[in-house]
């Protein structure tokens, strides 16, 4: 298994304004990575740049953009290549949103927005950066942050799973397609991570102020790992050249159970689904 070094590597990170993206940027910079950062939030992105540089890290280029905008991503990549003096070495797709709900409550726009950000966003980024990595013939590494919802059928996660299962499929194909170019691919499947996304996730058909919902959110946060812990798992997995990267052992176990203990997995998922439905409260 070929390893990846962050030292001196030009490293693109999307979603760098907060959560896993920011924590990964700080950790990668501490290991010598030269960063190219983006996020949809201009102010939070600037805060990350300040934090990285205050810690002695290097940011080659940063710009706020929406990964749904393919032209904006292409322009961002062109500028990054210009400032870096060539292609990038590591591309990390971290940016994402989450939408949950029952199918009878979801609109087409809920589905479209989630898939556009969580699946088409990484595709736009890879399309803009990977061809130059191939042409440079230096190898490299692509890191796609999927989710536990990209491995198993979590209740009420249909739009999110549509995107994250899709990203998992793209990553599986590119893992072998890019091998001949010495470009590795890692698929990150986080479980619960206590990031700002927890507070902004669109739970359609649910009153977030309902005590049952607040209790469920609090339980999630208590169980979730920190962004820094998730970033450490991601960076370690990338350095070791792993394809599958987990941020907590419960997700590794759930995926194992799905494949090897299907009866038990099915029972557990039905119980989880019933519990989730109890939390659902109409606005």
Protein backbone atom coordinates (compact mmCIF):
# COMPACT_ATOMS: atom_id res chain seq x y z
CA UNK A 1 0.00 0.00 0.00
CA UNK A 2 1.60 3.28 -1.15
CA UNK A 3 1.57 6.03 1.43
CA UNK A 4 0.79 9.73 0.94
CA UNK A 5 2.74 12.59 2.49
CA UNK A 6 1.25 16.00 3.18
CA UNK A 7 4.68 17.59 3.51
CA UNK A 8 4.99 20.10 0.65
CA UNK A 9 1.86 18.73 -1.05
CA UNK A 10 -0.45 21.26 -2.70
CA UNK A 11 -3.72 20.27 -1.04
CA UNK A 12 -7.20 21.38 -2.08
CA UNK A 13 -9.87 21.30 0.64
CA UNK A 14 -13.51 22.23 0.04
CA UNK A 15 -15.82 23.08 2.93
CA UNK A 16 -12.81 24.56 4.73
CA UNK A 17 -14.80 27.23 6.56
CA UNK A 18 -15.90 25.07 9.47
CA UNK A 19 -16.22 21.59 10.93
CA UNK A 20 -14.29 18.73 9.39
CA UNK A 21 -13.00 20.92 6.56
CA UNK A 22 -11.44 23.49 8.87
CA UNK A 23 -10.01 20.86 11.22
CA UNK A 24 -8.52 18.97 8.28
CA UNK A 25 -7.00 22.16 6.87
CA UNK A 26 -5.31 22.96 10.17
CA UNK A 27 -3.97 19.43 10.60
CA UNK A 28 -2.77 19.14 6.99
CA UNK A 29 -1.03 22.52 7.29
CA UNK A 30 0.72 21.37 10.46
CA UNK A 31 2.14 18.49 8.43
CA UNK A 32 3.55 20.84 5.80
CA UNK A 33 0.74 20.91 3.24
CA UNK A 34 0.43 24.01 1.05
CA UNK A 35 -3.27 24.71 1.06
CA UNK A 36 -5.85 25.70 -1.54
CA UNK A 37 -9.07 26.37 0.36
CA UNK A 38 -12.67 27.08 -0.51
CA UNK A 39 -16.03 27.29 1.21
CA UNK A 40 -19.42 28.76 0.40
CA UNK A 41 -19.09 31.09 3.41
CA UNK A 42 -16.65 33.92 2.76
CA UNK A 43 -16.25 35.05 6.38
CA UNK A 44 -15.77 31.59 7.85
CA UNK A 45 -13.25 30.80 5.11
CA UNK A 46 -11.28 33.93 6.00
CA UNK A 47 -11.29 32.81 9.63
CA UNK A 48 -9.80 29.46 8.63
CA UNK A 49 -7.07 31.16 6.59
CA UNK A 50 -6.19 33.35 9.59
CA UNK A 51 -6.04 30.31 11.87
CA UNK A 52 -3.84 28.35 9.46
CA UNK A 53 -1.41 31.20 8.93
CA UNK A 54 -1.31 32.08 12.64
CA UNK A 55 -0.20 28.50 13.28
CA UNK A 56 2.60 28.85 10.71
CA UNK A 57 0.81 27.12 7.84
CA UNK A 58 0.75 28.12 4.18
CA UNK A 59 -2.34 29.02 2.16
CA UNK A 60 -1.53 29.41 -1.53
CA UNK A 61 -5.03 30.39 -2.57
CA UNK A 62 -8.48 30.74 -1.03
CA UNK A 63 -11.79 31.85 -2.49
CA UNK A 64 -15.43 31.55 -1.51
CA UNK A 65 -17.58 29.67 -4.01
CA UNK A 66 -20.52 27.32 -4.36
CA UNK A 67 -19.37 23.89 -5.55
CA UNK A 68 -22.65 23.58 -7.46
CA UNK A 69 -21.30 26.19 -9.88
CA UNK A 70 -19.09 24.22 -12.29
CA UNK A 71 -17.75 27.35 -14.00
CA UNK A 72 -16.76 28.91 -10.68
CA UNK A 73 -14.96 25.70 -9.68
CA UNK A 74 -13.13 25.62 -13.03
CA UNK A 75 -11.98 29.23 -12.59
CA UNK A 76 -10.91 28.48 -9.02
CA UNK A 77 -8.83 25.52 -10.21
CA UNK A 78 -7.19 27.58 -12.97
CA UNK A 79 -6.14 30.22 -10.45
CA UNK A 80 -4.91 27.58 -8.02
CA UNK A 81 -2.79 25.95 -10.72
CA UNK A 82 -1.35 29.34 -11.63
CA UNK A 83 -0.43 30.24 -8.06
CA UNK A 84 0.88 26.76 -7.25
CA UNK A 85 3.03 26.72 -10.36
CA UNK A 86 1.43 23.52 -11.62
CA UNK A 87 -1.00 20.81 -10.63
CA UNK A 88 -2.19 19.98 -7.15
CA UNK A 89 -1.21 16.84 -5.25
CA UNK A 90 -4.15 16.12 -2.96
CA UNK A 91 -7.82 16.98 -3.53
CA UNK A 92 -10.17 16.67 -0.55
CA UNK A 93 -13.93 16.99 -1.12
CA UNK A 94 -15.33 17.85 2.30
CA UNK A 95 -18.08 20.39 1.51
CA UNK A 96 -21.60 19.13 2.02
CA UNK A 97 -25.13 19.71 3.25
CA UNK A 98 -27.72 17.35 4.68
CA UNK A 99 -31.46 17.01 4.16
CA UNK A 100 -33.63 14.48 6.00
CA UNK A 101 -37.33 13.70 5.83
CA UNK A 102 -40.12 11.38 4.75
CA UNK A 103 -40.68 11.14 1.02
CA UNK A 104 -44.19 12.57 1.38
CA UNK A 105 -42.71 15.71 2.97
CA UNK A 106 -39.76 16.19 0.61
CA UNK A 107 -39.96 18.32 -2.53
CA UNK A 108 -37.99 17.80 -5.72
CA UNK A 109 -35.95 20.86 -4.75
CA UNK A 110 -34.85 19.16 -1.51
CA UNK A 111 -33.54 16.23 -3.53
CA UNK A 112 -31.96 18.39 -6.22
CA UNK A 113 -30.11 20.73 -3.86
CA UNK A 114 -28.70 17.87 -1.79
CA UNK A 115 -27.51 15.91 -4.83
CA UNK A 116 -26.13 19.06 -6.48
CA UNK A 117 -23.98 19.94 -3.46
CA UNK A 118 -23.02 16.50 -2.15
CA UNK A 119 -22.54 14.62 -5.43
CA UNK A 120 -22.22 17.07 -8.31
CA UNK A 121 -20.06 19.38 -6.18
CA UNK A 122 -17.28 16.79 -5.75
CA UNK A 123 -17.65 15.83 -9.41
CA UNK A 124 -17.11 19.46 -10.42
CA UNK A 125 -14.03 19.65 -8.20
CA UNK A 126 -12.54 16.39 -9.46
CA UNK A 127 -13.23 17.36 -13.08
CA UNK A 128 -11.39 20.65 -12.53
CA UNK A 129 -8.34 19.29 -10.69
CA UNK A 130 -7.74 15.62 -11.52
CA UNK A 131 -6.92 15.95 -15.27
CA UNK A 132 -4.00 18.25 -14.41
CA UNK A 133 -2.81 15.71 -11.84
CA UNK A 134 -2.86 13.04 -14.54
CA UNK A 135 -0.95 15.25 -16.98
CA UNK A 136 1.67 16.09 -14.34
CA UNK A 137 2.49 12.39 -13.91
CA UNK A 138 3.42 12.86 -10.26
CA UNK A 139 0.65 10.74 -8.81
CA UNK A 140 -1.54 12.18 -6.10
CA UNK A 141 -4.54 11.49 -3.90
CA UNK A 142 -8.28 12.19 -4.13
CA UNK A 143 -10.25 12.16 -0.88
CA UNK A 144 -14.05 12.08 -1.00
CA UNK A 145 -15.99 12.52 2.23
CA UNK A 146 -19.11 10.40 1.97
CA UNK A 147 -21.00 9.35 5.12
CA UNK A 148 -22.34 6.45 7.10
CA UNK A 149 -25.44 7.25 5.03
CA UNK A 150 -23.40 6.31 1.99
CA UNK A 151 -22.97 2.79 3.38
CA UNK A 152 -26.20 1.96 5.17
CA UNK A 153 -29.86 2.99 4.89
CA UNK A 154 -30.25 5.38 7.80
CA UNK A 155 -33.86 6.42 8.53
CA UNK A 156 -35.17 9.57 6.82
CA UNK A 157 -31.86 10.09 4.99
CA UNK A 158 -33.05 9.34 1.44
CA UNK A 159 -31.84 12.57 -0.29
CA UNK A 160 -28.56 12.53 1.63
CA UNK A 161 -28.04 8.84 0.92
CA UNK A 162 -28.81 9.36 -2.77
CA UNK A 163 -25.86 11.75 -2.95
CA UNK A 164 -23.51 9.90 -0.62
CA UNK A 165 -24.10 6.45 -2.14
CA UNK A 166 -23.48 8.12 -5.50
CA UNK A 167 -20.19 9.59 -4.30
CA UNK A 168 -19.22 6.18 -2.99
CA UNK A 169 -19.87 4.70 -6.46
CA UNK A 170 -17.83 7.39 -8.21
CA UNK A 171 -14.98 6.82 -5.76
CA UNK A 172 -15.06 3.05 -6.29
CA UNK A 173 -14.71 3.49 -10.05
CA UNK A 174 -11.99 6.15 -9.82
CA UNK A 175 -10.08 4.05 -7.31
CA UNK A 176 -9.19 1.67 -10.14
CA UNK A 177 -9.38 4.08 -13.09
CA UNK A 178 -6.75 6.36 -11.55
CA UNK A 179 -4.49 3.62 -10.23
CA UNK A 180 -2.52 3.53 -13.50
CA UNK A 181 -1.70 7.21 -12.95
CA UNK A 182 -0.52 6.56 -9.37
CA UNK A 183 -3.41 8.63 -8.05
CA UNK A 184 -4.95 7.05 -4.97
CA UNK A 185 -8.56 7.47 -3.86
CA UNK A 186 -9.87 7.46 -0.30
CA UNK A 187 -13.55 7.24 0.64
CA UNK A 188 -14.24 8.71 4.06
CA UNK A 189 -17.39 7.50 5.82
CA UNK A 190 -17.94 9.53 8.99
CA UNK A 191 -20.55 8.64 11.53
CA UNK A 192 -21.74 11.31 13.92
CA UNK A 193 -19.50 14.37 13.95
CA UNK A 194 -20.41 17.39 16.08
CA UNK A 195 -20.12 20.13 13.46
CA UNK A 196 -22.21 23.22 12.56
CA UNK A 197 -24.01 20.94 10.08
CA UNK A 198 -25.89 19.42 13.03
CA UNK A 199 -27.56 22.77 13.68
CA UNK A 200 -28.32 23.55 10.05
CA UNK A 201 -29.47 20.17 8.71
CA UNK A 202 -32.85 20.55 7.04
CA UNK A 203 -35.15 18.02 8.75
CA UNK A 204 -38.25 18.39 6.62
CA UNK A 205 -41.57 17.95 8.42
CA UNK A 206 -40.01 18.22 11.87
CA UNK A 207 -40.45 20.91 14.50
CA UNK A 208 -36.88 21.38 15.76
CA UNK A 209 -38.17 23.04 18.94
CA UNK A 210 -40.16 19.97 19.94
CA UNK A 211 -38.66 18.48 23.15
CA UNK A 212 -38.38 15.03 21.54
CA UNK A 213 -36.38 16.49 18.67
CA UNK A 214 -34.15 18.51 21.00
CA UNK A 215 -33.53 15.38 23.06
CA UNK A 216 -32.57 13.43 19.92
CA UNK A 217 -30.19 16.19 18.79
CA UNK A 218 -28.58 16.29 22.24
CA UNK A 219 -28.13 12.51 22.20
CA UNK A 220 -26.52 12.73 18.76
CA UNK A 221 -24.09 15.43 19.90
CA UNK A 222 -23.14 13.39 22.96
CA UNK A 223 -22.36 10.37 20.79
CA UNK A 224 -20.63 12.32 18.01
CA UNK A 225 -16.88 12.73 17.67
CA UNK A 226 -15.26 16.16 17.38
CA UNK A 227 -14.22 17.61 14.00
CA UNK A 228 -10.62 17.39 15.18
CA UNK A 229 -10.98 13.67 15.89
CA UNK A 230 -12.56 13.12 12.47
CA UNK A 231 -9.79 15.11 10.79
CA UNK A 232 -7.15 13.03 12.56
CA UNK A 233 -8.76 9.82 11.27
CA UNK A 234 -8.96 11.23 7.75
CA UNK A 235 -5.37 12.45 7.62
CA UNK A 236 -4.09 9.19 9.11
CA UNK A 237 -6.08 7.17 6.58
CA UNK A 238 -4.79 9.25 3.69
CA UNK A 239 -1.20 9.01 4.89
CA UNK A 240 -1.51 5.23 5.06
CA UNK A 241 -3.07 5.08 1.59
CA UNK A 242 -6.32 3.48 2.77
CA UNK A 243 -9.34 3.37 0.50
CA UNK A 244 -12.02 3.11 3.21
CA UNK A 245 -11.55 5.57 6.07
CA UNK A 246 -13.82 5.53 9.12
CA UNK A 247 -14.02 8.18 11.85
CA UNK A 248 -15.58 5.86 14.44
CA UNK A 249 -15.76 2.12 14.98
CA UNK A 250 -19.57 1.96 15.11
CA UNK A 251 -19.80 2.71 11.39
CA UNK A 252 -17.19 0.10 10.58
CA UNK A 253 -19.23 -2.43 12.58
CA UNK A 254 -22.55 -1.44 10.98
CA UNK A 255 -21.11 -1.85 7.49
CA UNK A 256 -19.64 -5.22 8.47
CA UNK A 257 -23.01 -6.34 9.89
CA UNK A 258 -24.83 -5.28 6.73
CA UNK A 259 -22.62 -7.56 4.65
CA UNK A 260 -22.08 -10.51 6.97
CA UNK A 261 -25.00 -10.56 9.43
CA UNK A 262 -27.89 -9.37 7.24
CA UNK A 263 -30.67 -10.68 9.49
CA UNK A 264 -29.37 -8.83 12.53
CA UNK A 265 -28.71 -5.74 10.43
CA UNK A 266 -32.28 -5.77 9.07
CA UNK A 267 -33.75 -6.07 12.57
CA UNK A 268 -31.59 -3.20 13.84
CA UNK A 269 -32.53 -0.95 10.92
CA UNK A 270 -36.25 -1.59 11.44
CA UNK A 271 -35.91 -0.65 15.11
CA UNK A 272 -33.98 2.50 14.20
CA UNK A 273 -36.62 3.44 11.65
CA UNK A 274 -39.48 3.06 14.12
CA UNK A 275 -37.63 5.20 16.64
CA UNK A 276 -36.95 7.87 14.03
CA UNK A 277 -40.60 7.96 12.99
CA UNK A 278 -41.61 8.63 16.61
CA UNK A 279 -39.49 11.77 16.60
CA UNK A 280 -41.11 13.07 13.43
CA UNK A 281 -43.58 15.81 14.34
CA UNK A 282 -45.57 17.76 11.79
CA UNK A 283 -45.07 21.53 11.79
